[in-house]
């Protein structure tokens, strides 16, 4: 990508993540951390005063969590892409992030290059999901009789259709 790097707002309540992740993106000339926020409330304030192309946000934070931030960003006139990340890779986090419109779902322990590639995939209209989460999602969709009851009760038929399209590799635009 030529020109200015794409700007990322990094949102996480963990100061270690806020200090380490910018170094990941320093190795990618097409991506740059334009700002950091320690939670959803400070991210909203940052977004009211600044612009970015991508919000890379933790899901579980005190106060305004990542899902509430995702819902809020969708209301902006020109919403940035939202890539959810978590240290707690659960079915509930995965399904909630996907059905609320996240352009990606990452686990913080992924290799830095995988995180960079996931951001690039989102920018190009593709969806990126951590490999372990993706395998778990596919198993849930492929074996109806093996679905945990909890997933059955929290996923509507429309959400299942969306998850099937994602598992088949459809782009956000095609979905």
N, C-alpha and C. Protein backbone atom coordinates (compact mmCIF):
# COMPACT_ATOMS: atom_id res chain seq x y z
N UNK A 1 0.85 -1.17 0.00
CA UNK A 1 0.00 0.00 0.00
C UNK A 1 0.89 1.23 0.00
N UNK A 2 0.65 2.12 -0.94
CA UNK A 2 1.44 3.33 -1.00
C UNK A 2 0.68 4.45 -0.30
N UNK A 3 1.38 5.52 0.01
CA UNK A 3 0.75 6.65 0.69
C UNK A 3 0.83 6.49 2.19
N UNK A 4 -0.11 7.14 2.85
CA UNK A 4 -0.12 7.12 4.32
C UNK A 4 -0.57 5.76 4.84
N UNK A 5 0.00 5.33 5.96
CA UNK A 5 -0.45 4.06 6.54
C UNK A 5 -1.88 4.19 7.07
N UNK A 6 -2.58 3.07 7.11
CA UNK A 6 -3.92 3.04 7.67
C UNK A 6 -3.81 3.18 9.18
N UNK A 7 -4.69 4.00 9.73
CA UNK A 7 -4.63 4.34 11.15
C UNK A 7 -5.49 3.41 11.98
N UNK A 8 -4.90 2.95 13.08
CA UNK A 8 -5.56 2.03 14.00
C UNK A 8 -5.73 2.70 15.35
N UNK A 9 -6.92 2.56 15.92
CA UNK A 9 -7.13 2.92 17.32
C UNK A 9 -7.08 1.61 18.09
N UNK A 10 -6.14 1.48 19.01
CA UNK A 10 -5.95 0.29 19.83
C UNK A 10 -6.64 0.52 21.17
N UNK A 11 -7.61 -0.34 21.49
CA UNK A 11 -8.41 -0.18 22.71
C UNK A 11 -8.25 -1.43 23.58
N UNK A 12 -7.67 -1.24 24.76
CA UNK A 12 -7.50 -2.36 25.68
C UNK A 12 -7.26 -1.80 27.08
N UNK A 13 -7.84 -2.44 28.07
CA UNK A 13 -7.63 -1.99 29.45
C UNK A 13 -6.29 -2.49 30.01
N UNK A 14 -5.61 -3.36 29.30
CA UNK A 14 -4.31 -3.89 29.74
C UNK A 14 -3.18 -3.00 29.21
N UNK A 15 -2.43 -2.34 30.10
CA UNK A 15 -1.35 -1.47 29.64
C UNK A 15 -0.25 -2.21 28.88
N UNK A 16 -0.08 -3.50 29.15
CA UNK A 16 0.93 -4.28 28.42
C UNK A 16 0.54 -4.39 26.95
N UNK A 17 -0.72 -4.65 26.67
CA UNK A 17 -1.20 -4.72 25.28
C UNK A 17 -1.03 -3.36 24.61
N UNK A 18 -1.42 -2.29 25.31
CA UNK A 18 -1.30 -0.95 24.73
C UNK A 18 0.15 -0.57 24.45
N UNK A 19 1.10 -1.15 25.20
CA UNK A 19 2.50 -0.81 24.95
C UNK A 19 3.17 -1.76 23.94
N UNK A 20 2.74 -3.03 23.88
CA UNK A 20 3.37 -4.01 22.98
C UNK A 20 2.81 -3.99 21.56
N UNK A 21 1.51 -3.90 21.41
CA UNK A 21 0.92 -4.01 20.07
C UNK A 21 1.41 -2.93 19.10
N UNK A 22 1.63 -1.69 19.53
CA UNK A 22 2.14 -0.71 18.55
C UNK A 22 3.46 -1.14 17.91
N UNK A 23 4.29 -1.88 18.65
CA UNK A 23 5.54 -2.36 18.06
C UNK A 23 5.28 -3.40 16.97
N UNK A 24 4.20 -4.16 17.08
CA UNK A 24 3.83 -5.10 16.01
C UNK A 24 3.61 -4.33 14.72
N UNK A 25 2.82 -3.27 14.83
CA UNK A 25 2.44 -2.52 13.63
C UNK A 25 3.58 -1.64 13.10
N UNK A 26 4.57 -1.38 13.93
CA UNK A 26 5.74 -0.62 13.47
C UNK A 26 6.49 -1.38 12.38
N UNK A 27 6.31 -2.70 12.32
CA UNK A 27 6.97 -3.51 11.30
C UNK A 27 6.19 -3.53 9.99
N UNK A 28 4.99 -2.96 9.98
CA UNK A 28 4.11 -2.96 8.81
C UNK A 28 3.98 -1.53 8.28
N UNK A 29 4.61 -1.21 7.16
CA UNK A 29 4.58 0.17 6.67
C UNK A 29 3.19 0.66 6.28
N UNK A 30 2.25 -0.25 6.06
CA UNK A 30 0.90 0.14 5.64
C UNK A 30 -0.05 0.33 6.82
N UNK A 31 0.42 0.08 8.06
CA UNK A 31 -0.43 0.19 9.25
C UNK A 31 0.29 0.98 10.33
N UNK A 32 -0.47 1.76 11.08
CA UNK A 32 0.12 2.53 12.18
C UNK A 32 -0.91 2.72 13.28
N UNK A 33 -0.47 2.63 14.53
CA UNK A 33 -1.34 2.91 15.65
C UNK A 33 -1.41 4.43 15.81
N UNK A 34 -2.59 4.98 15.56
CA UNK A 34 -2.78 6.43 15.63
C UNK A 34 -3.14 6.88 17.04
N UNK A 35 -3.66 5.94 17.83
CA UNK A 35 -4.05 6.28 19.19
C UNK A 35 -4.33 5.04 19.99
N UNK A 36 -4.33 5.20 21.30
CA UNK A 36 -4.69 4.11 22.19
C UNK A 36 -5.72 4.61 23.18
N UNK A 37 -6.51 3.68 23.67
CA UNK A 37 -7.52 4.01 24.68
C UNK A 37 -7.57 2.85 25.67
N UNK A 38 -7.82 3.18 26.94
CA UNK A 38 -7.82 2.15 27.97
C UNK A 38 -9.20 1.56 28.23
N UNK A 39 -10.17 1.91 27.40
CA UNK A 39 -11.52 1.37 27.54
C UNK A 39 -12.45 1.98 26.52
N UNK A 40 -13.69 1.50 26.53
CA UNK A 40 -14.67 1.96 25.56
C UNK A 40 -14.99 3.43 25.66
N UNK A 41 -15.07 3.95 26.89
CA UNK A 41 -15.41 5.36 27.07
C UNK A 41 -14.32 6.27 26.50
N UNK A 42 -13.06 5.97 26.81
CA UNK A 42 -11.97 6.80 26.28
C UNK A 42 -11.82 6.61 24.77
N UNK A 43 -12.18 5.43 24.25
CA UNK A 43 -12.15 5.21 22.80
C UNK A 43 -13.21 6.08 22.12
N UNK A 44 -14.40 6.18 22.71
CA UNK A 44 -15.44 7.04 22.14
C UNK A 44 -14.99 8.49 22.10
N UNK A 45 -14.37 8.92 23.18
CA UNK A 45 -13.86 10.30 23.22
C UNK A 45 -12.81 10.50 22.12
N UNK A 46 -11.90 9.56 21.98
CA UNK A 46 -10.86 9.66 20.95
C UNK A 46 -11.49 9.73 19.55
N UNK A 47 -12.48 8.87 19.31
CA UNK A 47 -13.13 8.82 18.00
C UNK A 47 -13.95 10.07 17.70
N UNK A 48 -14.41 10.78 18.73
CA UNK A 48 -15.14 12.02 18.50
C UNK A 48 -14.19 13.13 18.05
N UNK A 49 -12.91 13.00 18.38
CA UNK A 49 -11.94 14.04 18.06
C UNK A 49 -10.96 13.66 16.96
N UNK A 50 -10.91 12.38 16.58
CA UNK A 50 -9.93 11.88 15.63
C UNK A 50 -10.57 10.90 14.66
N UNK A 51 -9.82 10.58 13.61
CA UNK A 51 -10.29 9.58 12.64
C UNK A 51 -9.30 8.43 12.55
N UNK A 52 -9.84 7.26 12.26
CA UNK A 52 -9.00 6.09 11.99
C UNK A 52 -9.79 5.18 11.04
N UNK A 53 -9.08 4.26 10.44
CA UNK A 53 -9.74 3.31 9.55
C UNK A 53 -10.13 2.03 10.27
N UNK A 54 -9.43 1.72 11.36
CA UNK A 54 -9.64 0.47 12.07
C UNK A 54 -9.66 0.71 13.58
N UNK A 55 -10.62 0.09 14.25
CA UNK A 55 -10.60 0.01 15.71
C UNK A 55 -10.27 -1.43 16.04
N UNK A 56 -9.17 -1.63 16.75
CA UNK A 56 -8.76 -2.96 17.23
C UNK A 56 -9.02 -2.93 18.73
N UNK A 57 -10.07 -3.64 19.15
CA UNK A 57 -10.53 -3.49 20.52
C UNK A 57 -10.71 -4.82 21.25
N UNK A 58 -10.29 -4.80 22.51
CA UNK A 58 -10.58 -5.90 23.42
C UNK A 58 -12.10 -5.99 23.57
N UNK A 59 -12.60 -7.16 23.83
CA UNK A 59 -14.04 -7.35 24.03
C UNK A 59 -14.41 -7.11 25.49
N UNK A 60 -13.64 -7.70 26.40
CA UNK A 60 -14.00 -7.64 27.81
C UNK A 60 -13.17 -6.58 28.52
N UNK A 61 -13.84 -5.48 28.83
CA UNK A 61 -13.22 -4.37 29.56
C UNK A 61 -14.25 -3.85 30.55
N UNK A 62 -13.78 -3.28 31.67
CA UNK A 62 -14.74 -2.70 32.61
C UNK A 62 -15.42 -1.47 32.00
N UNK A 63 -16.60 -1.17 32.49
CA UNK A 63 -17.32 0.00 31.99
C UNK A 63 -17.89 -0.30 30.61
N UNK A 64 -17.55 0.53 29.62
CA UNK A 64 -18.01 0.34 28.25
C UNK A 64 -17.12 -0.74 27.61
N UNK A 65 -17.69 -1.94 27.41
CA UNK A 65 -16.89 -3.03 26.87
C UNK A 65 -16.76 -2.93 25.34
N UNK A 66 -16.05 -3.88 24.76
CA UNK A 66 -15.80 -3.85 23.33
C UNK A 66 -17.04 -4.00 22.48
N UNK A 67 -18.00 -4.80 22.92
CA UNK A 67 -19.23 -4.97 22.14
C UNK A 67 -20.05 -3.68 22.15
N UNK A 68 -20.14 -3.03 23.30
CA UNK A 68 -20.84 -1.73 23.35
C UNK A 68 -20.12 -0.71 22.48
N UNK A 69 -18.80 -0.73 22.47
CA UNK A 69 -18.04 0.18 21.61
C UNK A 69 -18.31 -0.13 20.14
N UNK A 70 -18.34 -1.41 19.78
CA UNK A 70 -18.65 -1.81 18.40
C UNK A 70 -20.01 -1.26 17.99
N UNK A 71 -21.02 -1.45 18.82
CA UNK A 71 -22.36 -0.95 18.51
C UNK A 71 -22.36 0.57 18.35
N UNK A 72 -21.60 1.26 19.19
CA UNK A 72 -21.53 2.72 19.11
C UNK A 72 -20.83 3.15 17.82
N UNK A 73 -19.73 2.49 17.45
CA UNK A 73 -19.00 2.89 16.23
C UNK A 73 -19.85 2.71 14.99
N UNK A 74 -20.73 1.72 14.99
CA UNK A 74 -21.60 1.48 13.83
C UNK A 74 -22.53 2.67 13.56
N UNK A 75 -22.75 3.51 14.58
CA UNK A 75 -23.64 4.67 14.43
C UNK A 75 -22.91 5.90 13.88
N UNK A 76 -21.59 5.85 13.78
CA UNK A 76 -20.83 6.99 13.28
C UNK A 76 -21.12 7.20 11.80
N UNK A 77 -21.04 8.45 11.32
CA UNK A 77 -21.30 8.72 9.89
C UNK A 77 -20.38 7.91 8.96
N UNK A 78 -19.12 7.79 9.30
CA UNK A 78 -18.18 6.97 8.54
C UNK A 78 -17.49 6.01 9.52
N UNK A 79 -18.19 4.93 9.86
CA UNK A 79 -17.64 4.06 10.91
C UNK A 79 -16.35 3.36 10.46
N UNK A 80 -15.38 3.30 11.36
CA UNK A 80 -14.17 2.54 11.04
C UNK A 80 -14.49 1.05 11.11
N UNK A 81 -13.66 0.24 10.48
CA UNK A 81 -13.79 -1.21 10.64
C UNK A 81 -13.48 -1.56 12.09
N UNK A 82 -14.12 -2.56 12.58
CA UNK A 82 -13.93 -2.96 13.97
C UNK A 82 -13.44 -4.39 14.00
N UNK A 83 -12.27 -4.60 14.58
CA UNK A 83 -11.72 -5.94 14.76
C UNK A 83 -11.69 -6.21 16.26
N UNK A 84 -12.40 -7.25 16.67
CA UNK A 84 -12.48 -7.62 18.08
C UNK A 84 -11.31 -8.52 18.45
N UNK A 85 -10.82 -8.36 19.66
CA UNK A 85 -9.79 -9.26 20.16
C UNK A 85 -10.09 -9.60 21.60
N UNK A 86 -9.58 -10.76 22.00
CA UNK A 86 -9.86 -11.22 23.35
C UNK A 86 -8.76 -12.15 23.84
N UNK A 87 -8.64 -12.23 25.13
CA UNK A 87 -7.80 -13.25 25.75
C UNK A 87 -8.68 -14.43 26.15
N UNK A 88 -10.00 -14.21 26.18
CA UNK A 88 -10.97 -15.22 26.61
C UNK A 88 -11.78 -15.67 25.40
N UNK A 89 -11.24 -16.62 24.66
CA UNK A 89 -11.85 -17.10 23.42
C UNK A 89 -12.98 -18.07 23.74
N UNK A 90 -14.18 -17.53 23.87
CA UNK A 90 -15.35 -18.35 24.18
C UNK A 90 -16.34 -18.28 23.03
N UNK A 91 -17.24 -19.26 22.97
CA UNK A 91 -18.27 -19.24 21.94
C UNK A 91 -19.11 -17.97 22.03
N UNK A 92 -19.44 -17.58 23.24
CA UNK A 92 -20.28 -16.38 23.43
C UNK A 92 -19.56 -15.14 22.87
N UNK A 93 -18.27 -14.96 23.19
CA UNK A 93 -17.52 -13.81 22.67
C UNK A 93 -17.48 -13.85 21.15
N UNK A 94 -17.18 -15.01 20.60
CA UNK A 94 -17.07 -15.17 19.15
C UNK A 94 -18.38 -14.84 18.46
N UNK A 95 -19.45 -15.46 18.89
CA UNK A 95 -20.75 -15.27 18.24
C UNK A 95 -21.24 -13.84 18.41
N UNK A 96 -21.05 -13.28 19.58
CA UNK A 96 -21.49 -11.90 19.81
C UNK A 96 -20.73 -10.94 18.90
N UNK A 97 -19.42 -11.08 18.83
CA UNK A 97 -18.62 -10.19 17.98
C UNK A 97 -19.03 -10.32 16.51
N UNK A 98 -19.20 -11.56 16.05
CA UNK A 98 -19.56 -11.78 14.65
C UNK A 98 -20.94 -11.22 14.31
N UNK A 99 -21.91 -11.52 15.16
CA UNK A 99 -23.28 -11.09 14.85
C UNK A 99 -23.48 -9.59 15.03
N UNK A 100 -22.62 -8.95 15.79
CA UNK A 100 -22.73 -7.50 15.96
C UNK A 100 -21.99 -6.74 14.86
N UNK A 101 -21.27 -7.45 13.99
CA UNK A 101 -20.68 -6.79 12.83
C UNK A 101 -19.18 -6.57 12.87
N UNK A 102 -18.47 -7.25 13.75
CA UNK A 102 -17.01 -7.11 13.75
C UNK A 102 -16.46 -7.64 12.42
N UNK A 103 -15.40 -7.01 11.92
CA UNK A 103 -14.76 -7.43 10.67
C UNK A 103 -13.68 -8.47 10.92
N UNK A 104 -13.47 -8.83 12.17
CA UNK A 104 -12.48 -9.83 12.51
C UNK A 104 -12.59 -10.19 13.98
N UNK A 105 -12.01 -11.35 14.32
CA UNK A 105 -12.03 -11.84 15.70
C UNK A 105 -10.68 -12.48 15.96
N UNK A 106 -9.91 -11.87 16.84
CA UNK A 106 -8.55 -12.32 17.12
C UNK A 106 -8.40 -12.72 18.58
N UNK A 107 -7.47 -13.61 18.81
CA UNK A 107 -7.07 -13.96 20.16
C UNK A 107 -5.73 -13.29 20.40
N UNK A 108 -5.60 -12.60 21.52
CA UNK A 108 -4.40 -11.79 21.79
C UNK A 108 -3.11 -12.58 21.72
N UNK A 109 -3.17 -13.88 21.95
CA UNK A 109 -1.96 -14.71 21.96
C UNK A 109 -1.50 -15.10 20.55
N UNK A 110 -2.23 -14.69 19.51
CA UNK A 110 -1.81 -15.00 18.15
C UNK A 110 -0.46 -14.32 17.87
N UNK A 111 0.27 -14.89 16.92
CA UNK A 111 1.55 -14.31 16.53
C UNK A 111 1.33 -12.92 15.96
N UNK A 112 2.28 -12.00 16.17
CA UNK A 112 2.13 -10.63 15.64
C UNK A 112 1.82 -10.60 14.15
N UNK A 113 2.47 -11.44 13.35
CA UNK A 113 2.21 -11.43 11.90
C UNK A 113 0.78 -11.83 11.59
N UNK A 114 0.21 -12.75 12.37
CA UNK A 114 -1.19 -13.15 12.17
C UNK A 114 -2.13 -11.98 12.47
N UNK A 115 -1.81 -11.22 13.48
CA UNK A 115 -2.63 -10.05 13.83
C UNK A 115 -2.56 -9.01 12.71
N UNK A 116 -1.37 -8.77 12.21
CA UNK A 116 -1.20 -7.83 11.09
C UNK A 116 -2.00 -8.30 9.88
N UNK A 117 -1.90 -9.57 9.54
CA UNK A 117 -2.61 -10.10 8.38
C UNK A 117 -4.13 -10.03 8.58
N UNK A 118 -4.59 -10.21 9.80
CA UNK A 118 -6.02 -10.11 10.08
C UNK A 118 -6.52 -8.68 9.84
N UNK A 119 -5.73 -7.71 10.24
CA UNK A 119 -6.10 -6.31 10.01
C UNK A 119 -6.14 -6.03 8.51
N UNK A 120 -5.14 -6.51 7.80
CA UNK A 120 -5.11 -6.32 6.33
C UNK A 120 -6.30 -6.99 5.67
N UNK A 121 -6.66 -8.18 6.13
CA UNK A 121 -7.82 -8.88 5.56
C UNK A 121 -9.08 -8.05 5.74
N UNK A 122 -9.26 -7.48 6.92
CA UNK A 122 -10.45 -6.65 7.18
C UNK A 122 -10.49 -5.44 6.24
N UNK A 123 -9.35 -4.82 6.05
CA UNK A 123 -9.29 -3.65 5.17
C UNK A 123 -9.69 -4.01 3.74
N UNK A 124 -9.37 -5.22 3.32
CA UNK A 124 -9.68 -5.65 1.95
C UNK A 124 -11.06 -6.31 1.84
N UNK A 125 -11.88 -6.14 2.85
CA UNK A 125 -13.25 -6.63 2.78
C UNK A 125 -13.42 -8.09 3.16
N UNK A 126 -12.37 -8.69 3.68
CA UNK A 126 -12.45 -10.09 4.10
C UNK A 126 -12.60 -10.16 5.61
N UNK A 127 -12.93 -11.32 6.07
CA UNK A 127 -13.12 -11.53 7.49
C UNK A 127 -12.01 -12.44 7.98
N UNK A 128 -11.43 -12.11 9.11
CA UNK A 128 -10.38 -12.95 9.68
C UNK A 128 -10.78 -13.38 11.08
N UNK A 129 -10.59 -14.65 11.34
CA UNK A 129 -10.94 -15.21 12.63
C UNK A 129 -9.75 -16.07 13.07
N UNK A 130 -9.47 -16.09 14.35
CA UNK A 130 -8.35 -16.91 14.82
C UNK A 130 -8.59 -18.36 14.41
N UNK A 131 -7.51 -19.08 14.12
CA UNK A 131 -7.62 -20.46 13.62
C UNK A 131 -8.38 -21.35 14.60
N UNK A 132 -8.04 -21.27 15.87
CA UNK A 132 -8.71 -22.12 16.87
C UNK A 132 -10.21 -21.80 16.95
N UNK A 133 -10.54 -20.52 16.92
CA UNK A 133 -11.95 -20.12 16.98
C UNK A 133 -12.68 -20.58 15.74
N UNK A 134 -12.03 -20.46 14.60
CA UNK A 134 -12.64 -20.88 13.34
C UNK A 134 -12.92 -22.37 13.32
N UNK A 135 -11.98 -23.17 13.80
CA UNK A 135 -12.19 -24.62 13.86
C UNK A 135 -13.38 -24.95 14.77
N UNK A 136 -13.45 -24.28 15.90
CA UNK A 136 -14.54 -24.52 16.84
C UNK A 136 -15.88 -24.12 16.21
N UNK A 137 -15.90 -23.01 15.51
CA UNK A 137 -17.12 -22.55 14.84
C UNK A 137 -17.55 -23.54 13.77
N UNK A 138 -16.61 -24.02 12.97
CA UNK A 138 -16.95 -24.98 11.93
C UNK A 138 -17.49 -26.29 12.52
N UNK A 139 -16.89 -26.74 13.60
CA UNK A 139 -17.38 -27.96 14.25
C UNK A 139 -18.81 -27.76 14.74
N UNK A 140 -19.09 -26.60 15.28
CA UNK A 140 -20.43 -26.31 15.77
C UNK A 140 -21.44 -26.32 14.63
N UNK A 141 -21.04 -25.79 13.46
CA UNK A 141 -21.94 -25.72 12.32
C UNK A 141 -22.07 -27.05 11.58
N UNK A 142 -21.03 -27.86 11.58
CA UNK A 142 -21.03 -29.11 10.82
C UNK A 142 -21.76 -30.25 11.51
N UNK A 143 -21.77 -30.27 12.81
CA UNK A 143 -22.32 -31.41 13.54
C UNK A 143 -23.48 -30.92 14.41
N UNK A 144 -24.67 -30.80 13.82
CA UNK A 144 -25.80 -30.27 14.58
C UNK A 144 -26.06 -31.01 15.89
N UNK A 145 -25.92 -32.33 15.90
CA UNK A 145 -26.21 -33.07 17.12
C UNK A 145 -25.17 -32.83 18.20
N UNK A 146 -23.99 -32.28 17.84
CA UNK A 146 -22.93 -32.05 18.83
C UNK A 146 -22.92 -30.61 19.33
N UNK A 147 -23.87 -29.79 18.89
CA UNK A 147 -23.90 -28.39 19.32
C UNK A 147 -24.18 -28.29 20.81
N UNK A 148 -23.41 -27.48 21.51
CA UNK A 148 -23.73 -27.27 22.92
C UNK A 148 -25.09 -26.58 23.04
N UNK A 149 -25.85 -26.95 24.05
CA UNK A 149 -27.17 -26.35 24.23
C UNK A 149 -27.10 -24.85 24.37
N UNK A 150 -26.03 -24.35 25.00
CA UNK A 150 -25.90 -22.91 25.19
C UNK A 150 -25.86 -22.19 23.84
N UNK A 151 -25.13 -22.74 22.88
CA UNK A 151 -25.04 -22.11 21.56
C UNK A 151 -26.40 -22.15 20.90
N UNK A 152 -27.12 -23.27 21.00
CA UNK A 152 -28.44 -23.36 20.40
C UNK A 152 -29.37 -22.28 20.92
N UNK A 153 -29.27 -21.97 22.19
CA UNK A 153 -30.22 -21.02 22.76
C UNK A 153 -29.84 -19.57 22.51
N UNK A 154 -28.58 -19.29 22.18
CA UNK A 154 -28.21 -17.90 21.99
C UNK A 154 -28.05 -17.51 20.53
N UNK A 155 -28.17 -18.45 19.60
CA UNK A 155 -27.97 -18.16 18.19
C UNK A 155 -29.29 -18.32 17.44
N UNK A 156 -29.76 -17.23 16.83
CA UNK A 156 -31.00 -17.30 16.05
C UNK A 156 -30.70 -17.92 14.69
N UNK A 157 -31.75 -18.26 13.95
CA UNK A 157 -31.56 -18.84 12.61
C UNK A 157 -30.86 -17.85 11.69
N UNK A 158 -31.18 -16.58 11.79
CA UNK A 158 -30.51 -15.56 10.97
C UNK A 158 -29.01 -15.50 11.31
N UNK A 159 -28.69 -15.59 12.59
CA UNK A 159 -27.28 -15.59 13.00
C UNK A 159 -26.57 -16.85 12.48
N UNK A 160 -27.26 -17.98 12.47
CA UNK A 160 -26.67 -19.21 11.92
C UNK A 160 -26.35 -19.04 10.44
N UNK A 161 -27.28 -18.43 9.68
CA UNK A 161 -27.03 -18.19 8.25
C UNK A 161 -25.80 -17.32 8.07
N UNK A 162 -25.69 -16.28 8.89
CA UNK A 162 -24.53 -15.40 8.82
C UNK A 162 -23.25 -16.18 9.12
N UNK A 163 -23.26 -16.99 10.15
CA UNK A 163 -22.08 -17.78 10.52
C UNK A 163 -21.71 -18.78 9.42
N UNK A 164 -22.70 -19.37 8.76
CA UNK A 164 -22.40 -20.29 7.65
C UNK A 164 -21.71 -19.54 6.53
N UNK A 165 -22.18 -18.34 6.19
CA UNK A 165 -21.55 -17.56 5.12
C UNK A 165 -20.12 -17.19 5.49
N UNK A 166 -19.90 -16.83 6.74
CA UNK A 166 -18.55 -16.48 7.20
C UNK A 166 -17.66 -17.71 7.11
N UNK A 167 -18.17 -18.87 7.54
CA UNK A 167 -17.34 -20.08 7.52
C UNK A 167 -17.02 -20.52 6.10
N UNK A 168 -17.82 -20.09 5.13
CA UNK A 168 -17.54 -20.42 3.73
C UNK A 168 -16.62 -19.39 3.07
N UNK A 169 -16.20 -18.38 3.85
CA UNK A 169 -15.24 -17.41 3.34
C UNK A 169 -15.84 -16.24 2.59
N UNK A 170 -17.15 -16.02 2.70
CA UNK A 170 -17.77 -14.89 2.02
C UNK A 170 -17.22 -13.58 2.58
N UNK A 171 -17.08 -12.58 1.74
CA UNK A 171 -16.65 -11.26 2.19
C UNK A 171 -17.81 -10.55 2.85
N UNK A 172 -17.51 -9.51 3.61
CA UNK A 172 -18.57 -8.72 4.24
C UNK A 172 -19.52 -8.18 3.18
N UNK A 173 -18.99 -7.70 2.08
CA UNK A 173 -19.81 -7.12 1.01
C UNK A 173 -20.77 -8.18 0.46
N UNK A 174 -20.29 -9.39 0.21
CA UNK A 174 -21.13 -10.45 -0.34
C UNK A 174 -22.22 -10.85 0.65
N UNK A 175 -21.87 -10.91 1.92
CA UNK A 175 -22.86 -11.26 2.94
C UNK A 175 -23.96 -10.21 2.96
